[in-house]
Amino acid sequence: MRYALFKFRVYLLGEQTFAVYTDHASLRTSTKSPHLSQRMARWLSLFSEYNFVVHYKPGKTNIFADALSRRPDYVQSGRHAVGDEDDDECSLKRSLR
């Protein structure tokens, strides 16, 4: 959330209230907690310049949040099969032995 807010800072500052959808349920109540850690107080001070509302949406129903990491073909293409190493990796392994 921090990365997205800072990345789109130019567009979000001065805007009307915007919505942030997250699967992290405790973010909804973090601003209302009477006892904050120093870390949480720092984060809230960074977020205070933005005008947003946090909405909780469970991860399984939030299909756009992790669209790239939840692709069905991602797991298959992201892993190398045994013996599928390129020549540079093989020569590096041999030199380290």
C-alpha atoms as a PDB file:
ATOM      1  CA  MET A   1       0.000   0.000   0.000  1.00  0.00           C
ATOM      2  CA  ARG A   2       2.834   2.365   0.847  1.00  0.00           C
ATOM      3  CA  TYR A   3       4.526   1.751  -2.496  1.00  0.00           C
ATOM      4  CA  ALA A   4       1.323   2.387  -4.443  1.00  0.00           C
ATOM      5  CA  LEU A   5       0.557   5.595  -2.556  1.00  0.00           C
ATOM      6  CA  PHE A   6       4.039   6.971  -3.159  1.00  0.00           C
ATOM      7  CA  LYS A   7       4.153   5.774  -6.769  1.00  0.00           C
ATOM      8  CA  PHE A   8       0.881   7.533  -7.644  1.00  0.00           C
ATOM      9  CA  ARG A   9       1.409  10.431  -5.240  1.00  0.00           C
ATOM     10  CA  VAL A  10       1.114  13.073  -7.964  1.00  0.00           C
ATOM     11  CA  TYR A  11      -2.319  11.812  -8.937  1.00  0.00           C
ATOM     12  CA  LEU A  12      -3.657  11.131  -5.442  1.00  0.00           C
ATOM     13  CA  LEU A  13      -2.697  14.276  -3.538  1.00  0.00           C
ATOM     14  CA  GLY A  14      -5.422  16.888  -3.666  1.00  0.00           C
ATOM     15  CA  GLU A  15      -7.947  14.347  -4.897  1.00  0.00           C
ATOM     16  CA  GLN A  16     -11.313  13.743  -3.401  1.00  0.00           C
ATOM     17  CA  THR A  17     -11.543  10.735  -1.124  1.00  0.00           C
ATOM     18  CA  PHE A  18     -10.381   7.569  -2.878  1.00  0.00           C
ATOM     19  CA  ALA A  19     -10.805   3.938  -1.883  1.00  0.00           C
ATOM     20  CA  VAL A  20      -8.059   1.460  -1.034  1.00  0.00           C
ATOM     21  CA  TYR A  21      -9.089  -2.195  -1.201  1.00  0.00           C
ATOM     22  CA  THR A  22      -6.946  -4.610   0.783  1.00  0.00           C
ATOM     23  CA  ASP A  23      -7.026  -8.180   2.027  1.00  0.00           C
ATOM     24  CA  HIS A  24      -5.290  -7.073   5.240  1.00  0.00           C
ATOM     25  CA  ALA A  25      -8.213  -6.805   7.679  1.00  0.00           C
ATOM     26  CA  SER A  26      -6.315  -5.063  10.464  1.00  0.00           C
ATOM     27  CA  LEU A  27      -5.656  -1.997   8.301  1.00  0.00           C
ATOM     28  CA  ARG A  28      -9.295  -1.006   8.734  1.00  0.00           C
ATOM     29  CA  THR A  29      -8.965  -0.598  12.480  1.00  0.00           C
ATOM     30  CA  SER A  30      -5.366   0.599  12.705  1.00  0.00           C
ATOM     31  CA  THR A  31      -6.320   4.279  12.736  1.00  0.00           C
ATOM     32  CA  LYS A  32      -8.870   3.772  15.501  1.00  0.00           C
ATOM     33  CA  SER A  33      -6.555   1.944  17.892  1.00  0.00           C
ATOM     34  CA  PRO A  34      -5.772   3.918  21.080  1.00  0.00           C
ATOM     35  CA  HIS A  35      -2.350   2.254  21.485  1.00  0.00           C
ATOM     36  CA  LEU A  36      -0.020   2.579  18.510  1.00  0.00           C
ATOM     37  CA  SER A  37       3.515   1.338  18.170  1.00  0.00           C
ATOM     38  CA  GLN A  38       6.138   3.805  16.975  1.00  0.00           C
ATOM     39  CA  ARG A  39       6.250   2.080  13.619  1.00  0.00           C
ATOM     40  CA  MET A  40       2.496   2.326  13.162  1.00  0.00           C
ATOM     41  CA  ALA A  41       2.529   5.984  14.211  1.00  0.00           C
ATOM     42  CA  ARG A  42       5.207   6.674  11.575  1.00  0.00           C
ATOM     43  CA  TRP A  43       3.183   4.935   8.882  1.00  0.00           C
ATOM     44  CA  LEU A  44       0.025   6.790   9.824  1.00  0.00           C
ATOM     45  CA  SER A  45       1.838  10.120   9.710  1.00  0.00           C
ATOM     46  CA  LEU A  46       3.030   9.286   6.180  1.00  0.00           C
ATOM     47  CA  PHE A  47      -0.482   8.300   5.130  1.00  0.00           C
ATOM     48  CA  SER A  48      -2.126  11.328   6.750  1.00  0.00           C
ATOM     49  CA  GLU A  49      -1.517  13.549   3.722  1.00  0.00           C
ATOM     50  CA  TYR A  50      -3.743  11.303   1.601  1.00  0.00           C
ATOM     51  CA  ASN A  51      -7.519  11.313   1.798  1.00  0.00           C
ATOM     52  CA  PHE A  52      -8.498   7.643   1.484  1.00  0.00           C
ATOM     53  CA  VAL A  53     -10.849   5.072   2.941  1.00  0.00           C
ATOM     54  CA  VAL A  54      -9.692   1.492   3.533  1.00  0.00           C
ATOM     55  CA  HIS A  55     -12.082  -1.278   2.497  1.00  0.00           C
ATOM     56  CA  TYR A  56     -11.454  -4.902   3.394  1.00  0.00           C
ATOM     57  CA  LYS A  57     -11.897  -7.403   0.596  1.00  0.00           C
ATOM     58  CA  PRO A  58     -10.851 -11.039   1.171  1.00  0.00           C
ATOM     59  CA  GLY A  59      -8.001 -12.188  -1.054  1.00  0.00           C
ATOM     60  CA  LYS A  60     -10.022 -14.816  -2.892  1.00  0.00           C
ATOM     61  CA  THR A  61     -12.612 -12.257  -3.994  1.00  0.00           C
ATOM     62  CA  ASN A  62     -10.070  -9.541  -4.798  1.00  0.00           C
ATOM     63  CA  ILE A  63      -9.221 -10.872  -8.254  1.00  0.00           C
ATOM     64  CA  PHE A  64      -7.335  -7.809  -9.496  1.00  0.00           C
ATOM     65  CA  ALA A  65      -4.906  -7.462  -6.581  1.00  0.00           C
ATOM     66  CA  ASP A  66      -2.628 -10.391  -7.370  1.00  0.00           C
ATOM     67  CA  ALA A  67      -3.645 -11.055 -10.945  1.00  0.00           C
ATOM     68  CA  LEU A  68      -0.109 -11.676 -12.174  1.00  0.00           C
ATOM     69  CA  SER A  69       0.975 -13.913  -9.318  1.00  0.00           C
ATOM     70  CA  ARG A  70      -2.241 -15.951  -9.405  1.00  0.00           C
ATOM     71  CA  ARG A  71      -2.113 -16.748 -13.111  1.00  0.00           C
ATOM     72  CA  PRO A  72      -2.578 -20.487 -13.669  1.00  0.00           C
ATOM     73  CA  ASP A  73       0.385 -20.663 -16.065  1.00  0.00           C
ATOM     74  CA  TYR A  74       2.698 -18.648 -13.772  1.00  0.00           C
ATOM     75  CA  VAL A  75       3.764 -21.578 -11.589  1.00  0.00           C
ATOM     76  CA  GLN A  76       4.513 -23.809 -14.552  1.00  0.00           C
ATOM     77  CA  SER A  77       6.540 -21.269 -16.530  1.00  0.00           C
ATOM     78  CA  GLY A  78       8.372 -19.843 -13.518  1.00  0.00           C
ATOM     79  CA  ARG A  79      10.103 -23.084 -12.588  1.00  0.00           C
ATOM     80  CA  HIS A  80      12.936 -24.777 -14.415  1.00  0.00           C
ATOM     81  CA  ALA A  81      12.801 -28.472 -15.105  1.00  0.00           C
ATOM     82  CA  VAL A  82      15.762 -30.598 -14.053  1.00  0.00           C
ATOM     83  CA  GLY A  83      18.366 -30.550 -16.805  1.00  0.00           C
ATOM     84  CA  ASP A  84      16.901 -27.373 -18.312  1.00  0.00           C
ATOM     85  CA  GLU A  85      19.745 -25.140 -17.165  1.00  0.00           C
ATOM     86  CA  ASP A  86      21.591 -22.938 -19.601  1.00  0.00           C
ATOM     87  CA  ASP A  87      25.313 -23.337 -20.254  1.00  0.00           C
ATOM     88  CA  ASP A  88      26.335 -20.355 -18.099  1.00  0.00           C
ATOM     89  CA  GLU A  89      24.723 -21.842 -15.007  1.00  0.00           C
ATOM     90  CA  CYS A  90      26.357 -25.211 -15.621  1.00  0.00           C
ATOM     91  CA  SER A  91      29.800 -23.700 -16.077  1.00  0.00           C
ATOM     92  CA  LEU A  92      29.356 -21.557 -12.954  1.00  0.00           C
ATOM     93  CA  LYS A  93      28.393 -24.610 -10.903  1.00  0.00           C
ATOM     94  CA  ARG A  94      31.386 -26.554 -12.223  1.00  0.00           C
ATOM     95  CA  SER A  95      33.774 -23.724 -11.368  1.00  0.00           C
ATOM     96  CA  LEU A  96      32.460 -23.536  -7.797  1.00  0.00           C
ATOM     97  CA  ARG A  97      33.100 -27.229  -7.113  1.00  0.00           C
END
